[in-house]
Amino acid sequence: MDRDALRDGLFIPVVIDAERVVDGEEMVRVTYFAVTTDAPAAVWEVELAAVAQLHGIGVLGLAGVVYGALRDVGSPRADEVDFDLFMEADDVAAIFALEESGTPLTVQVEDVWMPRSWFDAEPVRGDVYRVALDVFQTAYRYTAGTIGPDLLIEIDVRGQVLHSPAETEAVNEWSQDQIEATKRAFPDKEVKLRWREDG
């Protein structure tokens, strides 16, 4: 992974989920972690440059995209890892621990569609990539239906979609841990994974 590129901007981790032809183009569905809340709180900080000098703005609902591992800034581990990459399964589990920490947050796995041509190699289900924020936002808008495929396909994403092998290993280890935990919770049942059908 190009760590210099990561230093220069905000990159969202996404996980390869499936491939499909959409709107006549070869597309890849990727998933990402999001947190949402519908409870107002005094602790949220929202930067809105155009209204930075206005007061009295309250946020009732809020959604956010997780772009890095959740670590205490003062912890020894925080200094060991660049860019808050997900380096082990516990880093992924920490996101879901937010729901149990007393915050009004809900953690969800969401998805967006990206052109197959954005990926430097054959996408493999479970592989993690880091996608530059503006590129991710464009894919989000396409998935939401606010822009067409032509605007999505014409974007030059060189240096903005980066494979992340270490995070691939961490996310896959976390996924396996979840499967094993489910098996332990239901010892008399055969646990089967269902793949979401495309098409």
N, C-alpha and C. Protein backbone atom coordinates (compact mmCIF):
# COMPACT_ATOMS: atom_id res chain seq x y z
N MET A 1 0.84 -1.18 0.00
CA MET A 1 0.00 0.00 0.00
C MET A 1 0.88 1.24 0.00
N ASP A 2 0.47 2.25 -0.72
CA ASP A 2 1.21 3.50 -0.82
C ASP A 2 0.91 4.38 0.39
N ARG A 3 1.79 4.30 1.40
CA ARG A 3 1.57 5.05 2.64
C ARG A 3 1.70 6.56 2.42
N ASP A 4 2.49 6.98 1.43
CA ASP A 4 2.59 8.40 1.14
C ASP A 4 1.24 8.95 0.70
N ALA A 5 0.51 8.18 -0.10
CA ALA A 5 -0.82 8.63 -0.54
C ALA A 5 -1.76 8.77 0.65
N LEU A 6 -1.68 7.84 1.59
CA LEU A 6 -2.54 7.90 2.76
C LEU A 6 -2.25 9.14 3.61
N ARG A 7 -1.01 9.57 3.62
CA ARG A 7 -0.66 10.77 4.40
C ARG A 7 -1.27 12.03 3.81
N ASP A 8 -1.57 11.99 2.52
CA ASP A 8 -2.02 13.20 1.83
C ASP A 8 -3.53 13.38 1.82
N GLY A 9 -4.30 12.44 2.36
CA GLY A 9 -5.74 12.60 2.31
C GLY A 9 -6.47 11.58 3.16
N LEU A 10 -7.79 11.67 3.11
CA LEU A 10 -8.65 10.78 3.87
C LEU A 10 -9.09 9.63 2.97
N PHE A 11 -8.83 8.39 3.41
CA PHE A 11 -9.17 7.20 2.65
C PHE A 11 -10.12 6.33 3.46
N ILE A 12 -11.20 5.89 2.83
CA ILE A 12 -12.23 5.08 3.47
C ILE A 12 -11.93 3.60 3.22
N PRO A 13 -11.93 2.76 4.28
CA PRO A 13 -11.74 1.32 4.04
C PRO A 13 -13.04 0.69 3.54
N VAL A 14 -12.94 -0.06 2.45
CA VAL A 14 -14.09 -0.78 1.90
C VAL A 14 -13.70 -2.24 1.69
N VAL A 15 -14.68 -3.12 1.77
CA VAL A 15 -14.45 -4.55 1.64
C VAL A 15 -15.19 -5.07 0.40
N ILE A 16 -14.47 -5.78 -0.47
CA ILE A 16 -15.09 -6.35 -1.67
C ILE A 16 -16.17 -7.35 -1.27
N ASP A 17 -17.35 -7.19 -1.88
CA ASP A 17 -18.48 -8.07 -1.55
C ASP A 17 -18.91 -8.91 -2.76
N ALA A 18 -19.18 -8.27 -3.90
CA ALA A 18 -19.69 -9.01 -5.06
C ALA A 18 -19.44 -8.23 -6.35
N GLU A 19 -19.54 -8.93 -7.47
CA GLU A 19 -19.42 -8.30 -8.78
C GLU A 19 -20.73 -8.50 -9.54
N ARG A 20 -21.03 -7.53 -10.39
CA ARG A 20 -22.27 -7.61 -11.16
C ARG A 20 -22.22 -6.59 -12.28
N VAL A 21 -22.92 -6.84 -13.36
CA VAL A 21 -23.07 -5.85 -14.42
C VAL A 21 -24.27 -4.96 -14.07
N VAL A 22 -24.00 -3.67 -13.93
CA VAL A 22 -25.03 -2.69 -13.58
C VAL A 22 -24.97 -1.57 -14.61
N ASP A 23 -26.12 -1.20 -15.15
CA ASP A 23 -26.17 -0.13 -16.16
C ASP A 23 -25.20 -0.39 -17.30
N GLY A 24 -25.01 -1.68 -17.65
CA GLY A 24 -24.12 -2.04 -18.75
C GLY A 24 -22.64 -2.00 -18.42
N GLU A 25 -22.29 -1.75 -17.17
CA GLU A 25 -20.88 -1.68 -16.76
C GLU A 25 -20.57 -2.77 -15.73
N GLU A 26 -19.33 -3.28 -15.78
CA GLU A 26 -18.89 -4.23 -14.76
C GLU A 26 -18.65 -3.46 -13.47
N MET A 27 -19.41 -3.82 -12.44
CA MET A 27 -19.37 -3.10 -11.18
C MET A 27 -19.01 -4.04 -10.03
N VAL A 28 -18.49 -3.46 -8.96
CA VAL A 28 -18.15 -4.19 -7.75
C VAL A 28 -18.91 -3.56 -6.59
N ARG A 29 -19.62 -4.39 -5.84
CA ARG A 29 -20.27 -3.89 -4.62
C ARG A 29 -19.26 -4.02 -3.48
N VAL A 30 -19.05 -2.92 -2.76
CA VAL A 30 -18.16 -2.93 -1.61
C VAL A 30 -18.95 -2.52 -0.38
N THR A 31 -18.54 -3.03 0.77
CA THR A 31 -19.21 -2.66 2.02
C THR A 31 -18.27 -1.78 2.83
N TYR A 32 -18.87 -1.03 3.74
CA TYR A 32 -18.11 -0.16 4.64
C TYR A 32 -18.87 -0.07 5.96
N PHE A 33 -18.18 0.35 7.00
CA PHE A 33 -18.80 0.48 8.31
C PHE A 33 -19.32 1.90 8.48
N ALA A 34 -20.54 2.00 9.00
CA ALA A 34 -21.14 3.30 9.27
C ALA A 34 -21.72 3.30 10.67
N VAL A 35 -21.76 4.46 11.28
CA VAL A 35 -22.44 4.62 12.57
C VAL A 35 -23.54 5.65 12.38
N THR A 36 -24.67 5.40 13.01
CA THR A 36 -25.80 6.32 12.92
C THR A 36 -26.37 6.57 14.30
N THR A 37 -27.06 7.67 14.43
CA THR A 37 -27.80 7.96 15.64
C THR A 37 -28.98 8.84 15.28
N ASP A 38 -30.07 8.67 16.01
CA ASP A 38 -31.21 9.57 15.82
C ASP A 38 -31.49 10.32 17.12
N ALA A 39 -30.53 10.27 18.04
CA ALA A 39 -30.69 10.96 19.32
C ALA A 39 -29.82 12.21 19.34
N PRO A 40 -30.42 13.36 19.66
CA PRO A 40 -29.60 14.56 19.78
C PRO A 40 -28.63 14.45 20.95
N ALA A 41 -27.45 14.99 20.79
CA ALA A 41 -26.45 14.93 21.86
C ALA A 41 -25.59 16.18 21.82
N ALA A 42 -25.09 16.55 22.98
CA ALA A 42 -24.27 17.75 23.07
C ALA A 42 -22.82 17.49 22.69
N VAL A 43 -22.44 16.23 22.50
CA VAL A 43 -21.03 15.91 22.29
C VAL A 43 -20.62 15.86 20.83
N TRP A 44 -21.57 15.89 19.88
CA TRP A 44 -21.20 15.82 18.48
C TRP A 44 -20.61 17.14 18.03
N GLU A 45 -19.57 17.07 17.23
CA GLU A 45 -19.00 18.26 16.62
C GLU A 45 -19.12 18.12 15.11
N VAL A 46 -19.79 19.08 14.48
CA VAL A 46 -19.98 19.05 13.05
C VAL A 46 -19.37 20.31 12.47
N GLU A 47 -18.48 20.14 11.50
CA GLU A 47 -17.86 21.29 10.86
C GLU A 47 -18.59 21.60 9.56
N LEU A 48 -19.19 22.75 9.50
CA LEU A 48 -19.86 23.22 8.30
C LEU A 48 -19.27 24.58 7.96
N ALA A 49 -18.35 24.59 7.04
CA ALA A 49 -17.59 25.82 6.76
C ALA A 49 -18.50 27.00 6.42
N ALA A 50 -19.55 26.75 5.65
CA ALA A 50 -20.41 27.85 5.20
C ALA A 50 -21.20 28.48 6.34
N VAL A 51 -21.38 27.75 7.44
CA VAL A 51 -22.17 28.28 8.56
C VAL A 51 -21.36 28.26 9.85
N ALA A 52 -20.05 28.35 9.70
CA ALA A 52 -19.19 28.23 10.87
C ALA A 52 -19.45 29.31 11.90
N GLN A 53 -19.94 30.48 11.47
CA GLN A 53 -20.16 31.56 12.42
C GLN A 53 -21.60 31.62 12.92
N LEU A 54 -22.43 30.71 12.48
CA LEU A 54 -23.81 30.68 12.94
C LEU A 54 -23.90 29.87 14.23
N HIS A 55 -24.88 30.18 15.03
CA HIS A 55 -25.09 29.44 16.28
C HIS A 55 -26.51 28.88 16.29
N GLY A 56 -26.74 27.96 17.19
CA GLY A 56 -28.09 27.43 17.35
C GLY A 56 -28.46 26.36 16.36
N ILE A 57 -27.45 25.66 15.80
CA ILE A 57 -27.74 24.55 14.89
C ILE A 57 -27.69 23.26 15.67
N GLY A 58 -28.77 22.50 15.64
CA GLY A 58 -28.81 21.21 16.33
C GLY A 58 -28.94 20.09 15.33
N VAL A 59 -28.28 18.99 15.61
CA VAL A 59 -28.36 17.82 14.74
C VAL A 59 -29.23 16.77 15.41
N LEU A 60 -30.32 16.38 14.76
CA LEU A 60 -31.20 15.38 15.34
C LEU A 60 -30.78 13.98 14.91
N GLY A 61 -30.45 13.82 13.65
CA GLY A 61 -29.97 12.52 13.16
C GLY A 61 -28.59 12.71 12.55
N LEU A 62 -27.76 11.70 12.67
CA LEU A 62 -26.39 11.83 12.19
C LEU A 62 -25.92 10.47 11.69
N ALA A 63 -25.23 10.46 10.57
CA ALA A 63 -24.62 9.23 10.05
C ALA A 63 -23.18 9.52 9.72
N GLY A 64 -22.31 8.58 10.02
CA GLY A 64 -20.89 8.77 9.74
C GLY A 64 -20.27 7.51 9.17
N VAL A 65 -19.24 7.70 8.37
CA VAL A 65 -18.49 6.59 7.79
C VAL A 65 -17.23 6.39 8.61
N VAL A 66 -16.96 5.15 8.99
CA VAL A 66 -15.77 4.83 9.77
C VAL A 66 -14.58 4.80 8.81
N TYR A 67 -13.56 5.61 9.08
CA TYR A 67 -12.40 5.63 8.19
C TYR A 67 -11.11 5.19 8.87
N GLY A 68 -11.17 4.88 10.17
CA GLY A 68 -9.97 4.41 10.85
C GLY A 68 -10.31 3.64 12.10
N ALA A 69 -9.33 2.91 12.58
CA ALA A 69 -9.50 2.13 13.80
C ALA A 69 -9.71 3.08 14.98
N LEU A 70 -10.49 2.64 15.94
CA LEU A 70 -10.77 3.44 17.12
C LEU A 70 -9.74 3.11 18.19
N ARG A 71 -8.85 4.06 18.44
CA ARG A 71 -7.82 3.85 19.45
C ARG A 71 -7.70 5.09 20.30
N ASP A 72 -7.39 4.91 21.59
CA ASP A 72 -7.12 6.05 22.45
C ASP A 72 -5.84 6.73 21.97
N VAL A 73 -5.89 8.03 21.84
CA VAL A 73 -4.73 8.77 21.35
C VAL A 73 -3.52 8.56 22.24
N GLY A 74 -3.72 8.44 23.55
CA GLY A 74 -2.60 8.30 24.48
C GLY A 74 -2.12 6.88 24.67
N SER A 75 -2.77 5.90 24.04
CA SER A 75 -2.36 4.51 24.25
C SER A 75 -1.07 4.21 23.51
N PRO A 76 -0.25 3.29 24.06
CA PRO A 76 1.01 2.94 23.39
C PRO A 76 0.79 2.40 21.98
N ARG A 77 -0.30 1.68 21.79
CA ARG A 77 -0.58 1.10 20.49
C ARG A 77 -0.85 2.15 19.42
N ALA A 78 -1.34 3.30 19.83
CA ALA A 78 -1.67 4.34 18.85
C ALA A 78 -0.42 4.80 18.10
N ASP A 79 0.73 4.76 18.75
CA ASP A 79 1.97 5.20 18.10
C ASP A 79 2.56 4.14 17.17
N GLU A 80 2.11 2.90 17.31
CA GLU A 80 2.69 1.80 16.54
C GLU A 80 2.12 1.69 15.14
N VAL A 81 0.93 2.24 14.92
CA VAL A 81 0.23 2.03 13.65
C VAL A 81 0.01 3.35 12.94
N ASP A 82 0.43 3.41 11.68
CA ASP A 82 0.21 4.61 10.89
C ASP A 82 -1.22 4.66 10.37
N PHE A 83 -1.77 5.84 10.27
CA PHE A 83 -3.03 6.10 9.59
C PHE A 83 -4.23 5.39 10.19
N ASP A 84 -4.12 4.89 11.41
CA ASP A 84 -5.24 4.20 12.06
C ASP A 84 -5.78 3.04 11.21
N LEU A 85 -4.89 2.27 10.62
CA LEU A 85 -5.31 1.09 9.86
C LEU A 85 -5.85 0.02 10.80
N PHE A 86 -6.74 -0.81 10.30
CA PHE A 86 -7.24 -1.95 11.06
C PHE A 86 -6.20 -3.06 10.96
N MET A 87 -5.41 -3.23 12.02
CA MET A 87 -4.30 -4.16 11.97
C MET A 87 -4.61 -5.52 12.57
N GLU A 88 -5.70 -5.63 13.33
CA GLU A 88 -6.08 -6.92 13.91
C GLU A 88 -7.59 -6.96 14.10
N ALA A 89 -8.11 -8.16 14.36
CA ALA A 89 -9.56 -8.35 14.48
C ALA A 89 -10.15 -7.45 15.57
N ASP A 90 -9.42 -7.23 16.66
CA ASP A 90 -9.93 -6.39 17.75
C ASP A 90 -10.19 -4.96 17.31
N ASP A 91 -9.45 -4.50 16.31
CA ASP A 91 -9.68 -3.15 15.79
C ASP A 91 -11.06 -3.04 15.15
N VAL A 92 -11.49 -4.10 14.47
CA VAL A 92 -12.82 -4.11 13.86
C VAL A 92 -13.87 -4.27 14.95
N ALA A 93 -13.63 -5.17 15.90
CA ALA A 93 -14.58 -5.40 16.99
C ALA A 93 -14.84 -4.13 17.79
N ALA A 94 -13.84 -3.25 17.89
CA ALA A 94 -13.99 -2.01 18.66
C ALA A 94 -15.09 -1.12 18.09
N ILE A 95 -15.33 -1.20 16.79
CA ILE A 95 -16.41 -0.41 16.19
C ILE A 95 -17.75 -0.85 16.77
N PHE A 96 -17.95 -2.16 16.82
CA PHE A 96 -19.23 -2.69 17.30
C PHE A 96 -19.38 -2.54 18.81
N ALA A 97 -18.26 -2.40 19.50
CA ALA A 97 -18.31 -2.16 20.94
C ALA A 97 -18.93 -0.80 21.26
N LEU A 98 -18.96 0.10 20.28
CA LEU A 98 -19.60 1.40 20.49
C LEU A 98 -21.06 1.24 20.92
N GLU A 99 -21.74 0.25 20.34
CA GLU A 99 -23.16 0.05 20.67
C GLU A 99 -23.35 -0.35 22.13
N GLU A 100 -22.34 -0.98 22.71
CA GLU A 100 -22.45 -1.45 24.09
C GLU A 100 -21.86 -0.47 25.09
N SER A 101 -21.33 0.64 24.60
CA SER A 101 -20.62 1.56 25.49
C SER A 101 -21.51 2.64 26.09
N GLY A 102 -22.81 2.56 25.85
CA GLY A 102 -23.71 3.55 26.40
C GLY A 102 -23.96 4.74 25.48
N THR A 103 -23.30 4.76 24.30
CA THR A 103 -23.56 5.85 23.35
C THR A 103 -24.84 5.53 22.59
N PRO A 104 -25.50 6.55 22.04
CA PRO A 104 -26.73 6.30 21.27
C PRO A 104 -26.43 5.92 19.82
N LEU A 105 -25.33 5.21 19.60
CA LEU A 105 -24.91 4.87 18.24
C LEU A 105 -25.34 3.47 17.83
N THR A 106 -25.65 3.33 16.57
CA THR A 106 -25.90 2.04 15.96
C THR A 106 -24.86 1.84 14.87
N VAL A 107 -24.23 0.66 14.85
CA VAL A 107 -23.22 0.36 13.84
C VAL A 107 -23.88 -0.47 12.74
N GLN A 108 -23.62 -0.09 11.51
CA GLN A 108 -24.20 -0.79 10.37
C GLN A 108 -23.14 -1.06 9.32
N VAL A 109 -23.39 -2.08 8.52
CA VAL A 109 -22.57 -2.34 7.35
C VAL A 109 -23.39 -1.91 6.14
N GLU A 110 -22.89 -0.92 5.43
CA GLU A 110 -23.57 -0.37 4.25
C GLU A 110 -22.79 -0.76 3.00
N ASP A 111 -23.36 -0.47 1.83
CA ASP A 111 -22.64 -0.79 0.60
C ASP A 111 -22.81 0.28 -0.46
N VAL A 112 -21.84 0.33 -1.35
CA VAL A 112 -21.89 1.19 -2.54
C VAL A 112 -21.33 0.40 -3.71
N TRP A 113 -21.65 0.88 -4.91
CA TRP A 113 -21.15 0.25 -6.13
C TRP A 113 -20.01 1.08 -6.71
N MET A 114 -18.97 0.39 -7.17
CA MET A 114 -17.82 1.03 -7.80
C MET A 114 -17.49 0.29 -9.09
N PRO A 115 -17.00 0.99 -10.11
CA PRO A 115 -16.63 0.32 -11.36
C PRO A 115 -15.50 -0.70 -11.14
N ARG A 116 -15.59 -1.80 -11.82
CA ARG A 116 -14.57 -2.84 -11.75
C ARG A 116 -13.21 -2.28 -12.17
N SER A 117 -13.22 -1.33 -13.08
CA SER A 117 -11.97 -0.75 -13.60
C SER A 117 -11.20 0.05 -12.55
N TRP A 118 -11.82 0.38 -11.44
CA TRP A 118 -11.13 1.12 -10.38
C TRP A 118 -10.11 0.26 -9.62
N PHE A 119 -10.24 -1.05 -9.73
CA PHE A 119 -9.40 -1.95 -8.94
C PHE A 119 -8.25 -2.48 -9.78
N ASP A 120 -7.04 -2.47 -9.20
CA ASP A 120 -5.83 -2.81 -9.93
C ASP A 120 -5.67 -4.30 -10.21
N ALA A 121 -6.42 -5.13 -9.53
CA ALA A 121 -6.33 -6.58 -9.72
C ALA A 121 -7.74 -7.15 -9.68
N GLU A 122 -7.84 -8.45 -9.93
CA GLU A 122 -9.14 -9.11 -9.86
C GLU A 122 -9.67 -8.99 -8.43
N PRO A 123 -10.81 -8.31 -8.23
CA PRO A 123 -11.35 -8.18 -6.88
C PRO A 123 -11.70 -9.55 -6.29
N VAL A 124 -11.29 -9.77 -5.07
CA VAL A 124 -11.57 -11.02 -4.36
C VAL A 124 -12.44 -10.68 -3.17
N ARG A 125 -13.54 -11.42 -3.02
CA ARG A 125 -14.44 -11.17 -1.90
C ARG A 125 -13.66 -11.19 -0.58
N GLY A 126 -13.83 -10.15 0.23
CA GLY A 126 -13.14 -10.05 1.51
C GLY A 126 -11.90 -9.17 1.47
N ASP A 127 -11.40 -8.85 0.27
CA ASP A 127 -10.24 -7.97 0.17
C ASP A 127 -10.62 -6.55 0.60
N VAL A 128 -9.72 -5.90 1.31
CA VAL A 128 -9.96 -4.52 1.76
C VAL A 128 -9.15 -3.57 0.88
N TYR A 129 -9.80 -2.51 0.47
CA TYR A 129 -9.16 -1.42 -0.26
C TYR A 129 -9.40 -0.13 0.51
N ARG A 130 -8.49 0.82 0.33
CA ARG A 130 -8.68 2.18 0.84
C ARG A 130 -9.02 3.05 -0.35
N VAL A 131 -10.13 3.81 -0.23
CA VAL A 131 -10.63 4.63 -1.33
C VAL A 131 -10.64 6.09 -0.88
N ALA A 132 -10.04 6.97 -1.68
CA ALA A 132 -10.00 8.39 -1.36
C ALA A 132 -11.41 8.93 -1.16
N LEU A 133 -11.54 9.86 -0.22
CA LEU A 133 -12.86 10.36 0.17
C LEU A 133 -13.67 10.88 -1.01
N ASP A 134 -13.09 11.70 -1.89
CA ASP A 134 -13.88 12.25 -2.99
C ASP A 134 -14.34 11.17 -3.96
N VAL A 135 -13.52 10.14 -4.15
CA VAL A 135 -13.90 9.01 -5.00
C VAL A 135 -15.04 8.23 -4.33
N PHE A 136 -14.90 7.99 -3.03
CA PHE A 136 -15.96 7.30 -2.28
C PHE A 136 -17.27 8.09 -2.36
N GLN A 137 -17.19 9.41 -2.20
CA GLN A 137 -18.40 10.24 -2.25
C GLN A 137 -19.09 10.13 -3.60
N THR A 138 -18.31 10.05 -4.67
CA THR A 138 -18.89 9.91 -6.00
C THR A 138 -19.60 8.57 -6.13
N ALA A 139 -18.98 7.49 -5.63
CA ALA A 139 -19.62 6.17 -5.65
C ALA A 139 -20.89 6.18 -4.81
N TYR A 140 -20.84 6.88 -3.70
CA TYR A 140 -22.03 6.99 -2.82
C TYR A 140 -23.17 7.69 -3.56
N ARG A 141 -22.84 8.78 -4.25
CA ARG A 141 -23.86 9.51 -4.99
C ARG A 141 -24.43 8.66 -6.13
N TYR A 142 -23.57 7.88 -6.80
CA TYR A 142 -24.04 6.99 -7.85
C TYR A 142 -25.01 5.95 -7.27
N THR A 143 -24.61 5.32 -6.17
CA THR A 143 -25.44 4.29 -5.54
C THR A 143 -26.78 4.87 -5.09
N ALA A 144 -26.77 6.11 -4.62
CA ALA A 144 -27.99 6.77 -4.17
C ALA A 144 -28.86 7.24 -5.34
N GLY A 145 -28.31 7.19 -6.56
CA GLY A 145 -29.07 7.56 -7.75
C GLY A 145 -29.05 9.03 -8.10
N THR A 146 -28.12 9.80 -7.50
CA THR A 146 -28.08 11.24 -7.79
C THR A 146 -27.15 11.58 -8.96
N ILE A 147 -26.32 10.64 -9.38
CA ILE A 147 -25.53 10.82 -10.61
C ILE A 147 -25.62 9.54 -11.43
N GLY A 148 -25.37 9.67 -12.71
CA GLY A 148 -25.42 8.51 -13.60
C GLY A 148 -24.08 7.80 -13.71
N PRO A 149 -24.08 6.64 -14.36
CA PRO A 149 -22.85 5.86 -14.49
C PRO A 149 -21.77 6.55 -15.31
N ASP A 150 -22.16 7.43 -16.25
CA ASP A 150 -21.17 8.09 -17.08
C ASP A 150 -20.22 8.96 -16.25
N LEU A 151 -20.73 9.66 -15.26
CA LEU A 151 -19.89 10.49 -14.39
C LEU A 151 -18.98 9.62 -13.53
N LEU A 152 -19.47 8.46 -13.14
CA LEU A 152 -18.69 7.55 -12.30
C LEU A 152 -17.53 6.93 -13.09
N ILE A 153 -17.81 6.48 -14.30
CA ILE A 153 -16.83 5.77 -15.11
C ILE A 153 -15.68 6.67 -15.55
N GLU A 154 -15.97 7.95 -15.78
CA GLU A 154 -14.94 8.82 -16.33
C GLU A 154 -13.93 9.34 -15.30
N ILE A 155 -14.11 9.06 -14.03
CA ILE A 155 -13.19 9.55 -13.00
C ILE A 155 -11.83 8.85 -13.10
N ASP A 156 -10.77 9.62 -13.00
CA ASP A 156 -9.41 9.07 -12.96
C ASP A 156 -9.08 8.79 -11.49
N VAL A 157 -8.96 7.51 -11.14
CA VAL A 157 -8.75 7.12 -9.74
C VAL A 157 -7.33 6.65 -9.47
N ARG A 158 -6.40 6.92 -10.37
CA ARG A 158 -5.02 6.50 -10.13
C ARG A 158 -4.52 7.05 -8.79
N GLY A 159 -3.99 6.14 -7.95
CA GLY A 159 -3.47 6.53 -6.65
C GLY A 159 -4.55 6.80 -5.61
N GLN A 160 -5.82 6.53 -5.96
CA GLN A 160 -6.91 6.83 -5.04
C GLN A 160 -7.70 5.59 -4.61
N VAL A 161 -7.35 4.42 -5.15
CA VAL A 161 -7.96 3.15 -4.73
C VAL A 161 -6.80 2.20 -4.46
N LEU A 162 -6.53 1.94 -3.19
CA LEU A 162 -5.32 1.22 -2.79
C LEU A 162 -5.65 -0.08 -2.06
N HIS A 163 -5.05 -1.18 -2.52
CA HIS A 163 -5.25 -2.46 -1.84
C HIS A 163 -4.56 -2.42 -0.48
N SER A 164 -5.20 -3.01 0.54
CA SER A 164 -4.67 -2.99 1.90
C SER A 164 -4.58 -4.41 2.46
N PRO A 165 -3.49 -5.13 2.17
CA PRO A 165 -3.36 -6.52 2.60
C PRO A 165 -3.47 -6.73 4.11
N ALA A 166 -2.84 -5.85 4.90
CA ALA A 166 -2.89 -6.02 6.37
C ALA A 166 -4.32 -5.89 6.88
N GLU A 167 -5.07 -4.94 6.32
CA GLU A 167 -6.46 -4.78 6.75
C GLU A 167 -7.34 -5.92 6.23
N THR A 168 -7.00 -6.45 5.07
CA THR A 168 -7.72 -7.62 4.56
C THR A 168 -7.62 -8.77 5.57
N GLU A 169 -6.42 -9.00 6.06
CA GLU A 169 -6.20 -10.07 7.03
C GLU A 169 -6.98 -9.80 8.32
N ALA A 170 -6.95 -8.56 8.80
CA ALA A 170 -7.63 -8.22 10.05
C ALA A 170 -9.14 -8.37 9.92
N VAL A 171 -9.72 -7.88 8.82
CA VAL A 171 -11.17 -7.96 8.64
C VAL A 171 -11.61 -9.41 8.46
N ASN A 172 -10.84 -10.20 7.71
CA ASN A 172 -11.19 -11.61 7.53
C ASN A 172 -11.08 -12.39 8.84
N GLU A 173 -10.09 -12.05 9.67
CA GLU A 173 -9.97 -12.70 10.98
C GLU A 173 -11.17 -12.33 11.85
N TRP A 174 -11.58 -11.07 11.83
CA TRP A 174 -12.77 -10.65 12.59
C TRP A 174 -14.01 -11.39 12.09
N SER A 175 -14.17 -11.51 10.76
CA SER A 175 -15.32 -12.22 10.20
C SER A 175 -15.34 -13.67 10.66
N GLN A 176 -14.18 -14.32 10.64
CA GLN A 176 -14.09 -15.71 11.10
C GLN A 176 -14.44 -15.81 12.58
N ASP A 177 -13.98 -14.84 13.37
CA ASP A 177 -14.32 -14.82 14.80
C ASP A 177 -15.83 -14.73 15.00
N GLN A 178 -16.52 -13.96 14.16
CA GLN A 178 -17.97 -13.82 14.27
C GLN A 178 -18.67 -15.14 13.95
N ILE A 179 -18.16 -15.83 12.94
CA ILE A 179 -18.73 -17.13 12.57
C ILE A 179 -18.55 -18.13 13.71
N GLU A 180 -17.34 -18.15 14.30
CA GLU A 180 -17.07 -19.07 15.40
C GLU A 180 -17.92 -18.73 16.62
N ALA A 181 -18.12 -17.45 16.90
CA ALA A 181 -18.96 -17.04 18.04
C ALA A 181 -20.40 -17.47 17.83
N THR A 182 -20.88 -17.38 16.59
CA THR A 182 -22.24 -17.82 16.28
C THR A 182 -22.38 -19.33 16.46
N LYS A 183 -21.37 -20.07 16.04
CA LYS A 183 -21.40 -21.53 16.21
C LYS A 183 -21.44 -21.90 17.69
N ARG A 184 -20.66 -21.18 18.51
CA ARG A 184 -20.65 -21.46 19.96
C ARG A 184 -21.98 -21.11 20.61
N ALA A 185 -22.62 -20.05 20.10
CA ALA A 185 -23.90 -19.62 20.66
C ALA A 185 -25.03 -20.59 20.32
N PHE A 186 -24.89 -21.30 19.22
CA PHE A 186 -25.92 -22.26 18.78
C PHE A 186 -25.26 -23.61 18.52
N PRO A 187 -24.80 -24.30 19.57
CA PRO A 187 -24.02 -25.54 19.38
C PRO A 187 -24.80 -26.68 18.74
N ASP A 188 -26.12 -26.68 18.85
CA ASP A 188 -26.91 -27.77 18.29
C ASP A 188 -27.41 -27.48 16.89
N LYS A 189 -27.06 -26.33 16.36
CA LYS A 189 -27.53 -25.94 15.04
C LYS A 189 -26.37 -25.94 14.06
N GLU A 190 -26.68 -26.27 12.83
CA GLU A 190 -25.68 -26.16 11.78
C GLU A 190 -25.72 -24.75 11.23
N VAL A 191 -24.61 -24.03 11.35
CA VAL A 191 -24.56 -22.64 10.90
C VAL A 191 -24.18 -22.60 9.43
N LYS A 192 -25.05 -22.02 8.65
CA LYS A 192 -24.79 -21.89 7.21
C LYS A 192 -24.77 -20.42 6.86
N LEU A 193 -23.82 -20.06 6.04
CA LEU A 193 -23.76 -18.69 5.55
C LEU A 193 -24.54 -18.62 4.25
N ARG A 194 -25.33 -17.57 4.12
CA ARG A 194 -26.07 -17.38 2.89
C ARG A 194 -25.44 -16.22 2.12
N TRP A 195 -25.17 -16.48 0.85
CA TRP A 195 -24.62 -15.43 0.00
C TRP A 195 -25.78 -14.67 -0.61
N ARG A 196 -25.68 -13.37 -0.61
CA ARG A 196 -26.71 -12.55 -1.21
C ARG A 196 -26.65 -12.74 -2.72
N GLU A 197 -27.78 -13.08 -3.31
CA GLU A 197 -27.82 -13.32 -4.75
C GLU A 197 -27.85 -11.99 -5.49
N ASP A 198 -27.09 -11.90 -6.55
CA ASP A 198 -27.08 -10.72 -7.41
C ASP A 198 -27.78 -11.09 -8.72
N GLY A 199 -28.66 -10.23 -9.14
CA GLY A 199 -29.24 -10.46 -10.45
C GLY A 199 -30.63 -10.73 -10.39
